[in-house]
Amino acid sequence: MRASVRRAVRINRHADEVWALLGDPGRLPEWFPGITDATVDGTSRVITTKMGIPMPEEILTNDSIARRFQYRLLIPTVKEHLSTLDVHDLGDDTCLVVYAADADPAAMALIIAGAAGNALENAKRMLEQT
């Protein structure tokens, strides 16, 4: 069974500043708790969890004009996966960041989006303090 889950947060910073952090695939460990490393090679990224588990991913979209980043997990326990991060400029030096996870099995979408929701709140705290 497939599921789609979204998390969103409004950040009181200009969209370009937020995108500079969130749109850089190598900077994921800076704002996503539980991720200790991200190695990027072209359209491949391998993230490492705090448990030391490497998770290979394929970067599908990294569009700095649309401020959209999409990737999919390449692990055998996931039949299908697509995560999308969008940074929307709200025109008042704030932005709305939306993280969507679509996955089969459905539990993976819940797990990924749950972690992403926490990560977005962490990014908000980080970006609004500077």
N, C-alpha and C. Protein backbone atom coordinates (compact mmCIF):
# COMPACT_ATOMS: atom_id res chain seq x y z
N MET A 1 0.84 -1.18 0.00
CA MET A 1 0.00 0.00 0.00
C MET A 1 0.89 1.25 0.00
N ARG A 2 0.48 2.24 -0.74
CA ARG A 2 1.20 3.49 -0.92
C ARG A 2 0.59 4.59 -0.06
N ALA A 3 1.42 5.51 0.41
CA ALA A 3 0.94 6.65 1.19
C ALA A 3 1.68 7.91 0.77
N SER A 4 1.03 9.04 1.02
CA SER A 4 1.61 10.35 0.75
C SER A 4 1.39 11.21 1.99
N VAL A 5 2.48 11.76 2.52
CA VAL A 5 2.40 12.57 3.74
C VAL A 5 3.18 13.86 3.52
N ARG A 6 2.62 14.98 4.00
CA ARG A 6 3.29 16.28 3.85
C ARG A 6 3.48 16.93 5.21
N ARG A 7 4.57 17.67 5.31
CA ARG A 7 4.85 18.50 6.47
C ARG A 7 5.24 19.88 5.94
N ALA A 8 4.87 20.93 6.67
CA ALA A 8 5.18 22.29 6.21
C ALA A 8 5.52 23.17 7.40
N VAL A 9 6.33 24.19 7.13
CA VAL A 9 6.70 25.17 8.15
C VAL A 9 6.93 26.51 7.46
N ARG A 10 6.50 27.58 8.12
CA ARG A 10 6.78 28.93 7.63
C ARG A 10 8.03 29.42 8.33
N ILE A 11 8.99 29.92 7.54
CA ILE A 11 10.26 30.39 8.08
C ILE A 11 10.39 31.88 7.81
N ASN A 12 10.75 32.61 8.84
CA ASN A 12 10.89 34.06 8.74
C ASN A 12 12.27 34.44 8.22
N ARG A 13 12.53 34.02 7.00
CA ARG A 13 13.75 34.35 6.26
C ARG A 13 13.39 34.33 4.78
N HIS A 14 14.15 35.08 3.99
CA HIS A 14 13.91 35.11 2.55
C HIS A 14 14.12 33.71 1.97
N ALA A 15 13.31 33.36 0.99
CA ALA A 15 13.35 32.03 0.37
C ALA A 15 14.74 31.68 -0.16
N ASP A 16 15.46 32.64 -0.71
CA ASP A 16 16.79 32.36 -1.24
C ASP A 16 17.76 31.93 -0.14
N GLU A 17 17.65 32.55 1.02
CA GLU A 17 18.51 32.19 2.15
C GLU A 17 18.18 30.78 2.66
N VAL A 18 16.89 30.46 2.71
CA VAL A 18 16.46 29.14 3.15
C VAL A 18 16.90 28.09 2.14
N TRP A 19 16.72 28.39 0.86
CA TRP A 19 17.10 27.45 -0.19
C TRP A 19 18.61 27.18 -0.16
N ALA A 20 19.42 28.18 0.16
CA ALA A 20 20.87 28.00 0.20
C ALA A 20 21.25 26.87 1.15
N LEU A 21 20.51 26.69 2.23
CA LEU A 21 20.76 25.61 3.16
C LEU A 21 20.03 24.33 2.75
N LEU A 22 18.72 24.42 2.59
CA LEU A 22 17.91 23.23 2.37
C LEU A 22 18.08 22.63 0.98
N GLY A 23 18.43 23.43 0.00
CA GLY A 23 18.57 22.95 -1.36
C GLY A 23 19.93 22.36 -1.69
N ASP A 24 20.86 22.45 -0.76
CA ASP A 24 22.20 21.90 -0.97
C ASP A 24 22.23 20.47 -0.43
N PRO A 25 22.27 19.46 -1.31
CA PRO A 25 22.16 18.08 -0.85
C PRO A 25 23.27 17.64 0.10
N GLY A 26 24.41 18.28 0.06
CA GLY A 26 25.51 17.92 0.95
C GLY A 26 25.38 18.51 2.34
N ARG A 27 24.49 19.50 2.50
CA ARG A 27 24.34 20.17 3.80
C ARG A 27 23.25 19.56 4.67
N LEU A 28 22.65 18.46 4.22
CA LEU A 28 21.56 17.82 4.96
C LEU A 28 21.89 17.57 6.44
N PRO A 29 23.09 17.09 6.78
CA PRO A 29 23.38 16.83 8.20
C PRO A 29 23.34 18.09 9.08
N GLU A 30 23.45 19.27 8.48
CA GLU A 30 23.42 20.51 9.25
C GLU A 30 22.04 20.79 9.84
N TRP A 31 20.99 20.35 9.18
CA TRP A 31 19.65 20.71 9.63
C TRP A 31 18.72 19.52 9.88
N PHE A 32 19.12 18.32 9.47
CA PHE A 32 18.26 17.15 9.61
C PHE A 32 18.79 16.26 10.74
N PRO A 33 18.20 16.35 11.93
CA PRO A 33 18.66 15.53 13.05
C PRO A 33 18.61 14.04 12.71
N GLY A 34 19.62 13.32 13.15
CA GLY A 34 19.68 11.88 12.89
C GLY A 34 20.49 11.53 11.65
N ILE A 35 20.84 12.53 10.84
CA ILE A 35 21.70 12.32 9.66
C ILE A 35 23.07 12.88 10.01
N THR A 36 24.08 12.04 9.95
CA THR A 36 25.42 12.47 10.36
C THR A 36 26.34 12.78 9.18
N ASP A 37 25.98 12.28 7.99
CA ASP A 37 26.83 12.52 6.83
C ASP A 37 26.00 12.45 5.56
N ALA A 38 26.42 13.20 4.56
CA ALA A 38 25.81 13.15 3.23
C ALA A 38 26.91 13.31 2.20
N THR A 39 27.12 12.27 1.40
CA THR A 39 28.12 12.29 0.36
C THR A 39 27.41 12.36 -0.99
N VAL A 40 27.75 13.38 -1.76
CA VAL A 40 27.09 13.61 -3.04
C VAL A 40 28.09 13.40 -4.17
N ASP A 41 27.66 12.65 -5.18
CA ASP A 41 28.46 12.42 -6.38
C ASP A 41 27.51 12.48 -7.57
N GLY A 42 27.44 13.64 -8.22
CA GLY A 42 26.50 13.82 -9.32
C GLY A 42 25.07 13.71 -8.84
N THR A 43 24.34 12.73 -9.38
CA THR A 43 22.94 12.55 -8.97
C THR A 43 22.79 11.46 -7.90
N SER A 44 23.90 11.05 -7.33
CA SER A 44 23.86 10.06 -6.25
C SER A 44 24.20 10.74 -4.93
N ARG A 45 23.45 10.36 -3.91
CA ARG A 45 23.76 10.82 -2.56
C ARG A 45 23.63 9.63 -1.63
N VAL A 46 24.56 9.52 -0.72
CA VAL A 46 24.48 8.51 0.33
C VAL A 46 24.45 9.25 1.65
N ILE A 47 23.34 9.07 2.37
CA ILE A 47 23.26 9.67 3.70
C ILE A 47 23.58 8.57 4.71
N THR A 48 24.13 8.99 5.83
CA THR A 48 24.44 8.06 6.91
C THR A 48 23.67 8.49 8.14
N THR A 49 22.93 7.55 8.72
CA THR A 49 22.15 7.84 9.92
C THR A 49 23.05 7.79 11.14
N LYS A 50 22.55 8.33 12.26
CA LYS A 50 23.34 8.31 13.50
C LYS A 50 23.61 6.89 13.98
N MET A 51 22.84 5.93 13.48
CA MET A 51 23.08 4.52 13.80
C MET A 51 24.16 3.92 12.90
N GLY A 52 24.71 4.74 11.98
CA GLY A 52 25.76 4.27 11.08
C GLY A 52 25.26 3.56 9.84
N ILE A 53 23.96 3.66 9.57
CA ILE A 53 23.37 2.98 8.42
C ILE A 53 23.45 3.88 7.18
N PRO A 54 24.12 3.41 6.12
CA PRO A 54 24.15 4.19 4.88
C PRO A 54 22.86 3.98 4.10
N MET A 55 22.33 5.05 3.55
CA MET A 55 21.09 4.99 2.77
C MET A 55 21.35 5.65 1.41
N PRO A 56 21.50 4.86 0.34
CA PRO A 56 21.73 5.43 -0.98
C PRO A 56 20.45 6.06 -1.54
N GLU A 57 20.64 7.18 -2.23
CA GLU A 57 19.52 7.91 -2.83
C GLU A 57 19.90 8.34 -4.24
N GLU A 58 18.87 8.58 -5.05
CA GLU A 58 19.06 9.17 -6.36
C GLU A 58 18.43 10.55 -6.34
N ILE A 59 19.22 11.58 -6.68
CA ILE A 59 18.70 12.94 -6.77
C ILE A 59 18.03 13.08 -8.12
N LEU A 60 16.75 13.39 -8.12
CA LEU A 60 15.97 13.49 -9.35
C LEU A 60 15.85 14.94 -9.83
N THR A 61 15.70 15.86 -8.89
CA THR A 61 15.53 17.27 -9.21
C THR A 61 16.27 18.11 -8.19
N ASN A 62 17.04 19.08 -8.67
CA ASN A 62 17.63 20.09 -7.80
C ASN A 62 17.58 21.39 -8.57
N ASP A 63 16.43 22.05 -8.48
CA ASP A 63 16.11 23.22 -9.30
C ASP A 63 16.15 24.48 -8.45
N SER A 64 17.21 25.26 -8.61
CA SER A 64 17.36 26.47 -7.79
C SER A 64 16.41 27.58 -8.21
N ILE A 65 15.87 27.54 -9.41
CA ILE A 65 14.90 28.56 -9.83
C ILE A 65 13.54 28.28 -9.20
N ALA A 66 13.08 27.04 -9.29
CA ALA A 66 11.80 26.66 -8.68
C ALA A 66 11.96 26.39 -7.18
N ARG A 67 13.22 26.30 -6.73
CA ARG A 67 13.53 25.94 -5.34
C ARG A 67 12.87 24.61 -4.97
N ARG A 68 13.17 23.60 -5.78
CA ARG A 68 12.60 22.26 -5.58
C ARG A 68 13.73 21.23 -5.59
N PHE A 69 13.67 20.33 -4.60
CA PHE A 69 14.62 19.23 -4.51
C PHE A 69 13.82 17.94 -4.37
N GLN A 70 14.13 16.96 -5.23
CA GLN A 70 13.44 15.67 -5.19
C GLN A 70 14.47 14.56 -5.22
N TYR A 71 14.17 13.51 -4.46
CA TYR A 71 15.05 12.36 -4.44
C TYR A 71 14.24 11.10 -4.17
N ARG A 72 14.87 9.95 -4.41
CA ARG A 72 14.24 8.69 -4.06
C ARG A 72 15.27 7.80 -3.38
N LEU A 73 14.78 7.04 -2.42
CA LEU A 73 15.61 6.07 -1.71
C LEU A 73 15.85 4.87 -2.61
N LEU A 74 17.03 4.31 -2.53
CA LEU A 74 17.38 3.14 -3.33
C LEU A 74 17.73 1.99 -2.37
N ILE A 75 16.76 1.61 -1.56
CA ILE A 75 16.98 0.51 -0.62
C ILE A 75 15.95 -0.59 -0.90
N PRO A 76 16.33 -1.84 -0.70
CA PRO A 76 15.46 -2.96 -1.08
C PRO A 76 14.13 -3.04 -0.33
N THR A 77 14.06 -2.50 0.86
CA THR A 77 12.82 -2.58 1.64
C THR A 77 11.76 -1.58 1.18
N VAL A 78 12.13 -0.69 0.27
CA VAL A 78 11.19 0.32 -0.24
C VAL A 78 10.92 0.03 -1.71
N LYS A 79 9.65 -0.29 -2.02
CA LYS A 79 9.28 -0.59 -3.40
C LYS A 79 9.30 0.66 -4.27
N GLU A 80 8.80 1.75 -3.70
CA GLU A 80 8.65 2.99 -4.45
C GLU A 80 8.78 4.15 -3.47
N HIS A 81 9.50 5.19 -3.87
CA HIS A 81 9.66 6.35 -2.99
C HIS A 81 9.96 7.60 -3.80
N LEU A 82 9.37 8.71 -3.38
CA LEU A 82 9.69 10.03 -3.90
C LEU A 82 9.48 11.03 -2.77
N SER A 83 10.53 11.78 -2.43
CA SER A 83 10.39 12.89 -1.49
C SER A 83 10.66 14.18 -2.23
N THR A 84 9.87 15.19 -1.90
CA THR A 84 9.97 16.49 -2.54
C THR A 84 10.05 17.58 -1.49
N LEU A 85 11.03 18.46 -1.63
CA LEU A 85 11.17 19.62 -0.75
C LEU A 85 10.99 20.86 -1.62
N ASP A 86 10.02 21.70 -1.26
CA ASP A 86 9.77 22.95 -1.98
C ASP A 86 9.90 24.12 -1.03
N VAL A 87 10.56 25.18 -1.49
CA VAL A 87 10.66 26.43 -0.73
C VAL A 87 9.90 27.48 -1.52
N HIS A 88 8.76 27.93 -0.95
CA HIS A 88 7.89 28.90 -1.62
C HIS A 88 8.09 30.30 -1.03
N ASP A 89 8.44 31.25 -1.90
CA ASP A 89 8.60 32.64 -1.48
C ASP A 89 7.22 33.24 -1.24
N LEU A 90 6.97 33.77 -0.05
CA LEU A 90 5.67 34.35 0.27
C LEU A 90 5.63 35.86 0.03
N GLY A 91 6.74 36.42 -0.47
CA GLY A 91 6.75 37.82 -0.89
C GLY A 91 6.92 38.83 0.23
N ASP A 92 7.14 38.37 1.44
CA ASP A 92 7.29 39.29 2.57
C ASP A 92 8.52 38.94 3.40
N ASP A 93 9.57 38.46 2.71
CA ASP A 93 10.80 38.00 3.36
C ASP A 93 10.56 36.81 4.28
N THR A 94 9.49 36.05 4.00
CA THR A 94 9.26 34.77 4.66
C THR A 94 9.02 33.74 3.56
N CYS A 95 9.03 32.49 3.95
CA CYS A 95 8.77 31.44 2.96
C CYS A 95 8.06 30.27 3.63
N LEU A 96 7.42 29.48 2.81
CA LEU A 96 6.77 28.26 3.26
C LEU A 96 7.59 27.10 2.70
N VAL A 97 8.04 26.22 3.58
CA VAL A 97 8.80 25.05 3.17
C VAL A 97 7.90 23.84 3.33
N VAL A 98 7.74 23.09 2.24
CA VAL A 98 6.88 21.90 2.24
C VAL A 98 7.74 20.69 1.90
N TYR A 99 7.63 19.66 2.72
CA TYR A 99 8.34 18.40 2.50
C TYR A 99 7.29 17.31 2.34
N ALA A 100 7.26 16.68 1.18
CA ALA A 100 6.30 15.62 0.91
C ALA A 100 7.03 14.30 0.71
N ALA A 101 6.46 13.25 1.27
CA ALA A 101 7.02 11.91 1.09
C ALA A 101 5.93 10.99 0.56
N ASP A 102 6.19 10.35 -0.55
CA ASP A 102 5.30 9.35 -1.14
C ASP A 102 6.07 8.04 -1.15
N ALA A 103 5.45 6.98 -0.61
CA ALA A 103 6.20 5.73 -0.54
C ALA A 103 5.29 4.51 -0.48
N ASP A 104 5.86 3.42 -0.94
CA ASP A 104 5.27 2.09 -0.80
C ASP A 104 6.42 1.20 -0.30
N PRO A 105 6.34 0.72 0.92
CA PRO A 105 5.18 0.63 1.79
C PRO A 105 4.82 1.96 2.45
N ALA A 106 3.54 2.07 2.80
CA ALA A 106 2.99 3.30 3.37
C ALA A 106 3.71 3.72 4.64
N ALA A 107 4.15 2.77 5.43
CA ALA A 107 4.83 3.11 6.69
C ALA A 107 6.07 3.95 6.44
N MET A 108 6.76 3.75 5.32
CA MET A 108 7.95 4.55 5.02
C MET A 108 7.61 6.02 4.83
N ALA A 109 6.48 6.31 4.21
CA ALA A 109 6.07 7.71 4.04
C ALA A 109 5.85 8.36 5.40
N LEU A 110 5.24 7.63 6.31
CA LEU A 110 5.01 8.15 7.66
C LEU A 110 6.32 8.38 8.40
N ILE A 111 7.23 7.44 8.29
CA ILE A 111 8.53 7.56 8.96
C ILE A 111 9.32 8.73 8.40
N ILE A 112 9.41 8.80 7.08
CA ILE A 112 10.20 9.86 6.44
C ILE A 112 9.60 11.23 6.72
N ALA A 113 8.29 11.37 6.56
CA ALA A 113 7.65 12.66 6.78
C ALA A 113 7.68 13.06 8.25
N GLY A 114 7.59 12.08 9.15
CA GLY A 114 7.70 12.40 10.57
C GLY A 114 9.06 12.98 10.89
N ALA A 115 10.10 12.34 10.40
CA ALA A 115 11.46 12.84 10.61
C ALA A 115 11.65 14.19 9.92
N ALA A 116 11.08 14.33 8.73
CA ALA A 116 11.21 15.59 7.98
C ALA A 116 10.51 16.73 8.70
N GLY A 117 9.37 16.45 9.33
CA GLY A 117 8.68 17.49 10.10
C GLY A 117 9.55 18.02 11.21
N ASN A 118 10.21 17.12 11.93
CA ASN A 118 11.14 17.53 12.99
C ASN A 118 12.32 18.30 12.41
N ALA A 119 12.82 17.85 11.26
CA ALA A 119 13.94 18.52 10.61
C ALA A 119 13.56 19.93 10.16
N LEU A 120 12.36 20.10 9.65
CA LEU A 120 11.92 21.43 9.22
C LEU A 120 11.83 22.39 10.42
N GLU A 121 11.33 21.89 11.53
CA GLU A 121 11.28 22.72 12.74
C GLU A 121 12.69 23.09 13.19
N ASN A 122 13.62 22.16 13.08
CA ASN A 122 15.01 22.43 13.42
C ASN A 122 15.60 23.49 12.49
N ALA A 123 15.34 23.35 11.19
CA ALA A 123 15.83 24.34 10.22
C ALA A 123 15.26 25.71 10.52
N LYS A 124 13.98 25.77 10.87
CA LYS A 124 13.34 27.04 11.21
C LYS A 124 14.07 27.70 12.38
N ARG A 125 14.32 26.93 13.44
CA ARG A 125 15.04 27.48 14.61
C ARG A 125 16.42 28.00 14.20
N MET A 126 17.13 27.20 13.42
CA MET A 126 18.47 27.59 13.00
C MET A 126 18.46 28.87 12.17
N LEU A 127 17.59 28.91 11.18
CA LEU A 127 17.58 30.02 10.24
C LEU A 127 17.03 31.31 10.86
N GLU A 128 16.12 31.20 11.78
CA GLU A 128 15.55 32.40 12.39
C GLU A 128 16.47 32.97 13.47
N GLN A 129 17.44 32.20 13.95
CA GLN A 129 18.39 32.70 14.95
C GLN A 129 19.49 33.51 14.33
N THR A 130 19.78 33.29 13.05
CA THR A 130 20.90 33.98 12.43
C THR A 130 20.50 35.28 11.81
